[in-house]
Amino acid sequence: MLPTPVNSYITDSVTQVNTKVLGDAPAIAMGNLYQATAQALANAAHNAVAGQQQTNITAQAATTAGVTTLYSIDTATDAVGTTKILGV
């Protein structure tokens, strides 16, 4: 080993810390990947549920409007008017 102006214990300590950091890097990277994937899937599920809720609200509104239209038609009056127009 070449002589250095720094104590050999210090260089050994720094080398060991650097080795530990390099050894931990793959595990930390995989943890970050799993966390990002979980977040993306949670957002996708949330967006799907929100879309279903909005679709259900729209369908309910359309059904209500259709039923209201059907109930608002006065069939007897329409029948008398149609008979007078057609002259039957």
PDB file of N, CA and C in Angstrom:
ATOM      1  N   MET A   1       0.845  -1.172   0.000  1.00  0.00           N
ATOM      2  CA  MET A   1       0.000   0.000   0.000  1.00  0.00           C
ATOM      3  C   MET A   1       0.894   1.240   0.000  1.00  0.00           C
ATOM      4  N   LEU A   2       0.486   2.215  -0.768  1.00  0.00           N
ATOM      5  CA  LEU A   2       1.271   3.450  -0.849  1.00  0.00           C
ATOM      6  C   LEU A   2       1.069   4.294   0.404  1.00  0.00           C
ATOM      7  N   PRO A   3       2.117   4.930   0.843  1.00  0.00           N
ATOM      8  CA  PRO A   3       1.954   5.794   2.026  1.00  0.00           C
ATOM      9  C   PRO A   3       1.151   7.049   1.654  1.00  0.00           C
ATOM     10  N   THR A   4       0.228   7.439   2.545  1.00  0.00           N
ATOM     11  CA  THR A   4      -0.583   8.648   2.331  1.00  0.00           C
ATOM     12  C   THR A   4      -0.428   9.557   3.532  1.00  0.00           C
ATOM     13  N   PRO A   5      -0.731  10.852   3.323  1.00  0.00           N
ATOM     14  CA  PRO A   5      -0.637  11.771   4.464  1.00  0.00           C
ATOM     15  C   PRO A   5      -1.801  11.599   5.446  1.00  0.00           C
ATOM     16  N   VAL A   6      -2.786  10.736   5.102  1.00  0.00           N
ATOM     17  CA  VAL A   6      -3.937  10.517   5.978  1.00  0.00           C
ATOM     18  C   VAL A   6      -3.739   9.209   6.723  1.00  0.00           C
ATOM     19  N   ASN A   7      -4.208   9.157   7.912  1.00  0.00           N
ATOM     20  CA  ASN A   7      -4.110   7.958   8.736  1.00  0.00           C
ATOM     21  C   ASN A   7      -4.803   6.797   8.016  1.00  0.00           C
ATOM     22  N   SER A   8      -4.222   5.622   8.043  1.00  0.00           N
ATOM     23  CA  SER A   8      -4.765   4.457   7.333  1.00  0.00           C
ATOM     24  C   SER A   8      -6.114   4.028   7.900  1.00  0.00           C
ATOM     25  N   TYR A   9      -6.349   4.260   9.180  1.00  0.00           N
ATOM     26  CA  TYR A   9      -7.651   3.918   9.767  1.00  0.00           C
ATOM     27  C   TYR A   9      -8.768   4.764   9.141  1.00  0.00           C
ATOM     28  N   ILE A  10      -8.479   5.997   8.857  1.00  0.00           N
ATOM     29  CA  ILE A  10      -9.468   6.887   8.250  1.00  0.00           C
ATOM     30  C   ILE A  10      -9.785   6.431   6.829  1.00  0.00           C
ATOM     31  N   THR A  11      -8.753   6.128   6.070  1.00  0.00           N
ATOM     32  CA  THR A  11      -9.007   5.679   4.695  1.00  0.00           C
ATOM     33  C   THR A  11      -9.770   4.360   4.689  1.00  0.00           C
ATOM     34  N   ASP A  12      -9.466   3.457   5.606  1.00  0.00           N
ATOM     35  CA  ASP A  12     -10.217   2.201   5.697  1.00  0.00           C
ATOM     36  C   ASP A  12     -11.685   2.466   6.044  1.00  0.00           C
ATOM     37  N   SER A  13     -11.918   3.363   6.963  1.00  0.00           N
ATOM     38  CA  SER A  13     -13.291   3.677   7.368  1.00  0.00           C
ATOM     39  C   SER A  13     -14.084   4.259   6.200  1.00  0.00           C
ATOM     40  N   VAL A  14     -13.484   5.190   5.478  1.00  0.00           N
ATOM     41  CA  VAL A  14     -14.161   5.809   4.332  1.00  0.00           C
ATOM     42  C   VAL A  14     -14.426   4.764   3.259  1.00  0.00           C
ATOM     43  N   THR A  15     -13.480   3.888   3.028  1.00  0.00           N
ATOM     44  CA  THR A  15     -13.659   2.832   2.025  1.00  0.00           C
ATOM     45  C   THR A  15     -14.809   1.917   2.405  1.00  0.00           C
ATOM     46  N   GLN A  16     -14.897   1.545   3.680  1.00  0.00           N
ATOM     47  CA  GLN A  16     -15.980   0.670   4.118  1.00  0.00           C
ATOM     48  C   GLN A  16     -17.346   1.351   4.000  1.00  0.00           C
ATOM     49  N   VAL A  17     -17.408   2.634   4.336  1.00  0.00           N
ATOM     50  CA  VAL A  17     -18.676   3.370   4.213  1.00  0.00           C
ATOM     51  C   VAL A  17     -19.088   3.448   2.751  1.00  0.00           C
ATOM     52  N   ASN A  18     -18.138   3.741   1.875  1.00  0.00           N
ATOM     53  CA  ASN A  18     -18.453   3.812   0.449  1.00  0.00           C
ATOM     54  C   ASN A  18     -18.935   2.464  -0.076  1.00  0.00           C
ATOM     55  N   THR A  19     -18.325   1.394   0.392  1.00  0.00           N
ATOM     56  CA  THR A  19     -18.742   0.049  -0.019  1.00  0.00           C
ATOM     57  C   THR A  19     -20.165  -0.227   0.445  1.00  0.00           C
ATOM     58  N   LYS A  20     -20.500   0.180   1.668  1.00  0.00           N
ATOM     59  CA  LYS A  20     -21.861  -0.017   2.173  1.00  0.00           C
ATOM     60  C   LYS A  20     -22.861   0.769   1.340  1.00  0.00           C
ATOM     61  N   VAL A  21     -22.533   2.005   1.010  1.00  0.00           N
ATOM     62  CA  VAL A  21     -23.439   2.828   0.196  1.00  0.00           C
ATOM     63  C   VAL A  21     -23.657   2.171  -1.160  1.00  0.00           C
ATOM     64  N   LEU A  22     -22.602   1.692  -1.772  1.00  0.00           N
ATOM     65  CA  LEU A  22     -22.730   1.022  -3.065  1.00  0.00           C
ATOM     66  C   LEU A  22     -23.536  -0.269  -2.942  1.00  0.00           C
ATOM     67  N   GLY A  23     -23.387  -0.968  -1.819  1.00  0.00           N
ATOM     68  CA  GLY A  23     -24.145  -2.199  -1.613  1.00  0.00           C
ATOM     69  C   GLY A  23     -25.626  -1.945  -1.376  1.00  0.00           C
ATOM     70  N   ASP A  24     -25.958  -0.822  -0.749  1.00  0.00           N
ATOM     71  CA  ASP A  24     -27.358  -0.494  -0.469  1.00  0.00           C
ATOM     72  C   ASP A  24     -28.077   0.090  -1.683  1.00  0.00           C
ATOM     73  N   ALA A  25     -27.352   0.617  -2.639  1.00  0.00           N
ATOM     74  CA  ALA A  25     -27.962   1.330  -3.765  1.00  0.00           C
ATOM     75  C   ALA A  25     -28.980   0.496  -4.540  1.00  0.00           C
ATOM     76  N   PRO A  26     -28.700  -0.767  -4.890  1.00  0.00           N
ATOM     77  CA  PRO A  26     -29.712  -1.534  -5.630  1.00  0.00           C
ATOM     78  C   PRO A  26     -31.002  -1.747  -4.838  1.00  0.00           C
ATOM     79  N   ALA A  27     -30.882  -2.011  -3.548  1.00  0.00           N
ATOM     80  CA  ALA A  27     -32.075  -2.213  -2.731  1.00  0.00           C
ATOM     81  C   ALA A  27     -32.891  -0.930  -2.634  1.00  0.00           C
ATOM     82  N   ILE A  28     -32.234   0.192  -2.473  1.00  0.00           N
ATOM     83  CA  ILE A  28     -32.933   1.473  -2.397  1.00  0.00           C
ATOM     84  C   ILE A  28     -33.603   1.786  -3.736  1.00  0.00           C
ATOM     85  N   ALA A  29     -32.904   1.499  -4.826  1.00  0.00           N
ATOM     86  CA  ALA A  29     -33.483   1.750  -6.148  1.00  0.00           C
ATOM     87  C   ALA A  29     -34.730   0.899  -6.370  1.00  0.00           C
ATOM     88  N   MET A  30     -34.687  -0.366  -5.971  1.00  0.00           N
ATOM     89  CA  MET A  30     -35.863  -1.221  -6.123  1.00  0.00           C
ATOM     90  C   MET A  30     -37.002  -0.750  -5.222  1.00  0.00           C
ATOM     91  N   GLY A  31     -36.680  -0.301  -4.028  1.00  0.00           N
ATOM     92  CA  GLY A  31     -37.710   0.243  -3.139  1.00  0.00           C
ATOM     93  C   GLY A  31     -38.380   1.456  -3.739  1.00  0.00           C
ATOM     94  N   ASN A  32     -37.578   2.327  -4.336  1.00  0.00           N
ATOM     95  CA  ASN A  32     -38.144   3.510  -5.003  1.00  0.00           C
ATOM     96  C   ASN A  32     -39.022   3.107  -6.176  1.00  0.00           C
ATOM     97  N   LEU A  33     -38.578   2.107  -6.940  1.00  0.00           N
ATOM     98  CA  LEU A  33     -39.370   1.631  -8.076  1.00  0.00           C
ATOM     99  C   LEU A  33     -40.698   1.060  -7.600  1.00  0.00           C
ATOM    100  N   TYR A  34     -40.685   0.230  -6.560  1.00  0.00           N
ATOM    101  CA  TYR A  34     -41.921  -0.350  -6.038  1.00  0.00           C
ATOM    102  C   TYR A  34     -42.862   0.739  -5.519  1.00  0.00           C
ATOM    103  N   GLN A  35     -42.307   1.721  -4.862  1.00  0.00           N
ATOM    104  CA  GLN A  35     -43.137   2.802  -4.319  1.00  0.00           C
ATOM    105  C   GLN A  35     -43.775   3.606  -5.447  1.00  0.00           C
ATOM    106  N   ALA A  36     -43.006   3.915  -6.481  1.00  0.00           N
ATOM    107  CA  ALA A  36     -43.548   4.670  -7.614  1.00  0.00           C
ATOM    108  C   ALA A  36     -44.611   3.862  -8.353  1.00  0.00           C
ATOM    109  N   THR A  37     -44.389   2.564  -8.500  1.00  0.00           N
ATOM    110  CA  THR A  37     -45.369   1.706  -9.166  1.00  0.00           C
ATOM    111  C   THR A  37     -46.660   1.629  -8.347  1.00  0.00           C
ATOM    112  N   ALA A  38     -46.538   1.477  -7.049  1.00  0.00           N
ATOM    113  CA  ALA A  38     -47.721   1.428  -6.185  1.00  0.00           C
ATOM    114  C   ALA A  38     -48.501   2.736  -6.258  1.00  0.00           C
ATOM    115  N   GLN A  39     -47.803   3.851  -6.286  1.00  0.00           N
ATOM    116  CA  GLN A  39     -48.466   5.153  -6.382  1.00  0.00           C
ATOM    117  C   GLN A  39     -49.206   5.285  -7.704  1.00  0.00           C
ATOM    118  N   ALA A  40     -48.568   4.860  -8.799  1.00  0.00           N
ATOM    119  CA  ALA A  40     -49.208   4.950 -10.113  1.00  0.00           C
ATOM    120  C   ALA A  40     -50.449   4.063 -10.184  1.00  0.00           C
ATOM    121  N   LEU A  41     -50.364   2.844  -9.628  1.00  0.00           N
ATOM    122  CA  LEU A  41     -51.529   1.952  -9.632  1.00  0.00           C
ATOM    123  C   LEU A  41     -52.652   2.496  -8.757  1.00  0.00           C
ATOM    124  N   ALA A  42     -52.308   3.089  -7.649  1.00  0.00           N
ATOM    125  CA  ALA A  42     -53.337   3.686  -6.788  1.00  0.00           C
ATOM    126  C   ALA A  42     -54.025   4.840  -7.494  1.00  0.00           C
ATOM    127  N   ASN A  43     -53.262   5.665  -8.196  1.00  0.00           N
ATOM    128  CA  ASN A  43     -53.864   6.761  -8.960  1.00  0.00           C
ATOM    129  C   ASN A  43     -54.771   6.233 -10.059  1.00  0.00           C
ATOM    130  N   ALA A  44     -54.350   5.168 -10.726  1.00  0.00           N
ATOM    131  CA  ALA A  44     -55.177   4.585 -11.791  1.00  0.00           C
ATOM    132  C   ALA A  44     -56.486   4.045 -11.220  1.00  0.00           C
ATOM    133  N   ALA A  45     -56.420   3.369 -10.081  1.00  0.00           N
ATOM    134  CA  ALA A  45     -57.635   2.840  -9.460  1.00  0.00           C
ATOM    135  C   ALA A  45     -58.558   3.967  -9.016  1.00  0.00           C
ATOM    136  N   HIS A  46     -57.978   5.006  -8.465  1.00  0.00           N
ATOM    137  CA  HIS A  46     -58.780   6.158  -8.033  1.00  0.00           C
ATOM    138  C   HIS A  46     -59.465   6.809  -9.227  1.00  0.00           C
ATOM    139  N   ASN A  47     -58.752   6.983 -10.318  1.00  0.00           N
ATOM    140  CA  ASN A  47     -59.334   7.590 -11.513  1.00  0.00           C
ATOM    141  C   ASN A  47     -60.432   6.710 -12.097  1.00  0.00           C
ATOM    142  N   ALA A  48     -60.267   5.387 -12.047  1.00  0.00           N
ATOM    143  CA  ALA A  48     -61.297   4.482 -12.562  1.00  0.00           C
ATOM    144  C   ALA A  48     -62.571   4.589 -11.726  1.00  0.00           C
ATOM    145  N   VAL A  49     -62.426   4.634 -10.414  1.00  0.00           N
ATOM    146  CA  VAL A  49     -63.593   4.747  -9.543  1.00  0.00           C
ATOM    147  C   VAL A  49     -64.280   6.086  -9.765  1.00  0.00           C
ATOM    148  N   ALA A  50     -63.513   7.155  -9.872  1.00  0.00           N
ATOM    149  CA  ALA A  50     -64.109   8.476 -10.102  1.00  0.00           C
ATOM    150  C   ALA A  50     -64.856   8.500 -11.431  1.00  0.00           C
ATOM    151  N   GLY A  51     -64.299   7.877 -12.452  1.00  0.00           N
ATOM    152  CA  GLY A  51     -64.971   7.817 -13.759  1.00  0.00           C
ATOM    153  C   GLY A  51     -66.272   7.040 -13.687  1.00  0.00           C
ATOM    154  N   GLN A  52     -66.279   5.918 -12.953  1.00  0.00           N
ATOM    155  CA  GLN A  52     -67.504   5.140 -12.798  1.00  0.00           C
ATOM    156  C   GLN A  52     -68.569   5.939 -12.057  1.00  0.00           C
ATOM    157  N   GLN A  53     -68.169   6.664 -11.043  1.00  0.00           N
ATOM    158  CA  GLN A  53     -69.134   7.469 -10.293  1.00  0.00           C
ATOM    159  C   GLN A  53     -69.744   8.546 -11.191  1.00  0.00           C
ATOM    160  N   GLN A  54     -68.912   9.199 -11.982  1.00  0.00           N
ATOM    161  CA  GLN A  54     -69.428  10.241 -12.868  1.00  0.00           C
ATOM    162  C   GLN A  54     -70.354   9.653 -13.928  1.00  0.00           C
ATOM    163  N   THR A  55     -70.021   8.467 -14.441  1.00  0.00           N
ATOM    164  CA  THR A  55     -70.883   7.804 -15.416  1.00  0.00           C
ATOM    165  C   THR A  55     -72.221   7.439 -14.792  1.00  0.00           C
ATOM    166  N   ASN A  56     -72.210   6.946 -13.563  1.00  0.00           N
ATOM    167  CA  ASN A  56     -73.457   6.607 -12.888  1.00  0.00           C
ATOM    168  C   ASN A  56     -74.319   7.841 -12.653  1.00  0.00           C
ATOM    169  N   ILE A  57     -73.705   8.947 -12.286  1.00  0.00           N
ATOM    170  CA  ILE A  57     -74.457  10.181 -12.074  1.00  0.00           C
ATOM    171  C   ILE A  57     -75.088  10.644 -13.389  1.00  0.00           C
ATOM    172  N   THR A  58     -74.327  10.568 -14.482  1.00  0.00           N
ATOM    173  CA  THR A  58     -74.850  10.978 -15.791  1.00  0.00           C
ATOM    174  C   THR A  58     -76.004  10.077 -16.218  1.00  0.00           C
ATOM    175  N   ALA A  59     -75.859   8.769 -16.026  1.00  0.00           N
ATOM    176  CA  ALA A  59     -76.932   7.835 -16.386  1.00  0.00           C
ATOM    177  C   ALA A  59     -78.186   8.082 -15.556  1.00  0.00           C
ATOM    178  N   GLN A  60     -78.006   8.365 -14.283  1.00  0.00           N
ATOM    179  CA  GLN A  60     -79.155   8.641 -13.424  1.00  0.00           C
ATOM    180  C   GLN A  60     -79.859   9.920 -13.861  1.00  0.00           C
ATOM    181  N   ALA A  61     -79.090  10.938 -14.224  1.00  0.00           N
ATOM    182  CA  ALA A  61     -79.685  12.186 -14.690  1.00  0.00           C
ATOM    183  C   ALA A  61     -80.446  11.980 -15.997  1.00  0.00           C
ATOM    184  N   ALA A  62     -79.880  11.190 -16.909  1.00  0.00           N
ATOM    185  CA  ALA A  62     -80.563  10.918 -18.178  1.00  0.00           C
ATOM    186  C   ALA A  62     -81.849  10.132 -17.950  1.00  0.00           C
ATOM    187  N   THR A  63     -81.801   9.163 -17.053  1.00  0.00           N
ATOM    188  CA  THR A  63     -83.012   8.386 -16.744  1.00  0.00           C
ATOM    189  C   THR A  63     -84.083   9.280 -16.126  1.00  0.00           C
ATOM    190  N   THR A  64     -83.681  10.130 -15.208  1.00  0.00           N
ATOM    191  CA  THR A  64     -84.640  11.047 -14.577  1.00  0.00           C
ATOM    192  C   THR A  64     -85.261  11.977 -15.607  1.00  0.00           C
ATOM    193  N   ALA A  65     -84.449  12.500 -16.514  1.00  0.00           N
ATOM    194  CA  ALA A  65     -84.980  13.390 -17.558  1.00  0.00           C
ATOM    195  C   ALA A  65     -85.943  12.640 -18.470  1.00  0.00           C
ATOM    196  N   GLY A  66     -85.633  11.406 -18.811  1.00  0.00           N
ATOM    197  CA  GLY A  66     -86.522  10.614 -19.664  1.00  0.00           C
ATOM    198  C   GLY A  66     -87.843  10.312 -18.992  1.00  0.00           C
ATOM    199  N   VAL A  67     -87.804   9.912 -17.737  1.00  0.00           N
ATOM    200  CA  VAL A  67     -89.041   9.617 -17.005  1.00  0.00           C
ATOM    201  C   VAL A  67     -89.869  10.877 -16.841  1.00  0.00           C
ATOM    202  N   THR A  68     -89.207  11.993 -16.543  1.00  0.00           N
ATOM    203  CA  THR A  68     -89.927  13.257 -16.413  1.00  0.00           C
ATOM    204  C   THR A  68     -90.611  13.625 -17.720  1.00  0.00           C
ATOM    205  N   THR A  69     -89.936  13.407 -18.828  1.00  0.00           N
ATOM    206  CA  THR A  69     -90.533  13.687 -20.139  1.00  0.00           C
ATOM    207  C   THR A  69     -91.743  12.795 -20.387  1.00  0.00           C
ATOM    208  N   LEU A  70     -91.628  11.519 -20.062  1.00  0.00           N
ATOM    209  CA  LEU A  70     -92.763  10.605 -20.259  1.00  0.00           C
ATOM    210  C   LEU A  70     -93.953  10.993 -19.395  1.00  0.00           C
ATOM    211  N   TYR A  71     -93.688  11.370 -18.149  1.00  0.00           N
ATOM    212  CA  TYR A  71     -94.793  11.732 -17.255  1.00  0.00           C
ATOM    213  C   TYR A  71     -95.385  13.095 -17.591  1.00  0.00           C
ATOM    214  N   SER A  72     -94.652  13.932 -18.283  1.00  0.00           N
ATOM    215  CA  SER A  72     -95.168  15.266 -18.584  1.00  0.00           C
ATOM    216  C   SER A  72     -96.070  15.277 -19.809  1.00  0.00           C
ATOM    217  N   ILE A  73     -96.135  14.191 -20.557  1.00  0.00           N
ATOM    218  CA  ILE A  73     -96.995  14.133 -21.747  1.00  0.00           C
ATOM    219  C   ILE A  73     -98.430  13.855 -21.303  1.00  0.00           C
ATOM    220  N   ASP A  74     -99.333  14.716 -21.708  1.00  0.00           N
ATOM    221  CA  ASP A  74    -100.752  14.522 -21.401  1.00  0.00           C
ATOM    222  C   ASP A  74    -101.375  13.771 -22.568  1.00  0.00           C
ATOM    223  N   THR A  75    -101.542  12.474 -22.422  1.00  0.00           N
ATOM    224  CA  THR A  75    -101.958  11.629 -23.547  1.00  0.00           C
ATOM    225  C   THR A  75    -103.377  11.909 -24.000  1.00  0.00           C
ATOM    226  N   ALA A  76    -104.280  12.208 -23.082  1.00  0.00           N
ATOM    227  CA  ALA A  76    -105.664  12.466 -23.485  1.00  0.00           C
ATOM    228  C   ALA A  76    -105.753  13.725 -24.331  1.00  0.00           C
ATOM    229  N   THR A  77    -105.061  14.769 -23.916  1.00  0.00           N
ATOM    230  CA  THR A  77    -105.077  16.013 -24.674  1.00  0.00           C
ATOM    231  C   THR A  77    -104.439  15.803 -26.042  1.00  0.00           C
ATOM    232  N   ASP A  78    -103.348  15.064 -26.087  1.00  0.00           N
ATOM    233  CA  ASP A  78    -102.692  14.777 -27.367  1.00  0.00           C
ATOM    234  C   ASP A  78    -103.600  13.979 -28.290  1.00  0.00           C
ATOM    235  N   ALA A  79    -104.347  13.048 -27.725  1.00  0.00           N
ATOM    236  CA  ALA A  79    -105.236  12.230 -28.533  1.00  0.00           C
ATOM    237  C   ALA A  79    -106.363  13.071 -29.121  1.00  0.00           C
ATOM    238  N   VAL A  80    -106.941  13.967 -28.345  1.00  0.00           N
ATOM    239  CA  VAL A  80    -108.016  14.840 -28.838  1.00  0.00           C
ATOM    240  C   VAL A  80    -107.455  15.777 -29.920  1.00  0.00           C
ATOM    241  N   GLY A  81    -106.289  16.347 -29.675  1.00  0.00           N
ATOM    242  CA  GLY A  81    -105.697  17.245 -30.667  1.00  0.00           C
ATOM    243  C   GLY A  81    -105.356  16.530 -31.960  1.00  0.00           C
ATOM    244  N   THR A  82    -104.813  15.335 -31.850  1.00  0.00           N
ATOM    245  CA  THR A  82    -104.469  14.552 -33.031  1.00  0.00           C
ATOM    246  C   THR A  82    -105.745  14.190 -33.808  1.00  0.00           C
ATOM    247  N   THR A  83    -106.791  13.834 -33.113  1.00  0.00           N
ATOM    248  CA  THR A  83    -108.062  13.494 -33.770  1.00  0.00           C
ATOM    249  C   THR A  83    -108.617  14.700 -34.528  1.00  0.00           C
ATOM    250  N   LYS A  84    -108.562  15.871 -33.924  1.00  0.00           N
ATOM    251  CA  LYS A  84    -109.071  17.073 -34.594  1.00  0.00           C
ATOM    252  C   LYS A  84    -108.221  17.437 -35.811  1.00  0.00           C
ATOM    253  N   ILE A  85    -106.889  17.260 -35.700  1.00  0.00           N
ATOM    254  CA  ILE A  85    -105.999  17.593 -36.817  1.00  0.00           C
ATOM    255  C   ILE A  85    -106.237  16.622 -37.974  1.00  0.00           C
ATOM    256  N   LEU A  86    -106.333  15.353 -37.675  1.00  0.00           N
ATOM    257  CA  LEU A  86    -106.495  14.339 -38.729  1.00  0.00           C
ATOM    258  C   LEU A  86    -107.939  14.270 -39.214  1.00  0.00           C
ATOM    259  N   GLY A  87    -108.889  14.786 -38.432  1.00  0.00           N
ATOM    260  CA  GLY A  87    -110.297  14.773 -38.845  1.00  0.00           C
ATOM    261  C   GLY A  87    -110.903  13.397 -38.811  1.00  0.00           C
ATOM    262  N   VAL A  88    -110.432  12.558 -37.952  1.00  0.00           N
ATOM    263  CA  VAL A  88    -110.932  11.177 -37.893  1.00  0.00           C
ATOM    264  C   VAL A  88    -112.160  11.126 -36.996  1.00  0.00           C
TER     265      VAL A  88
END
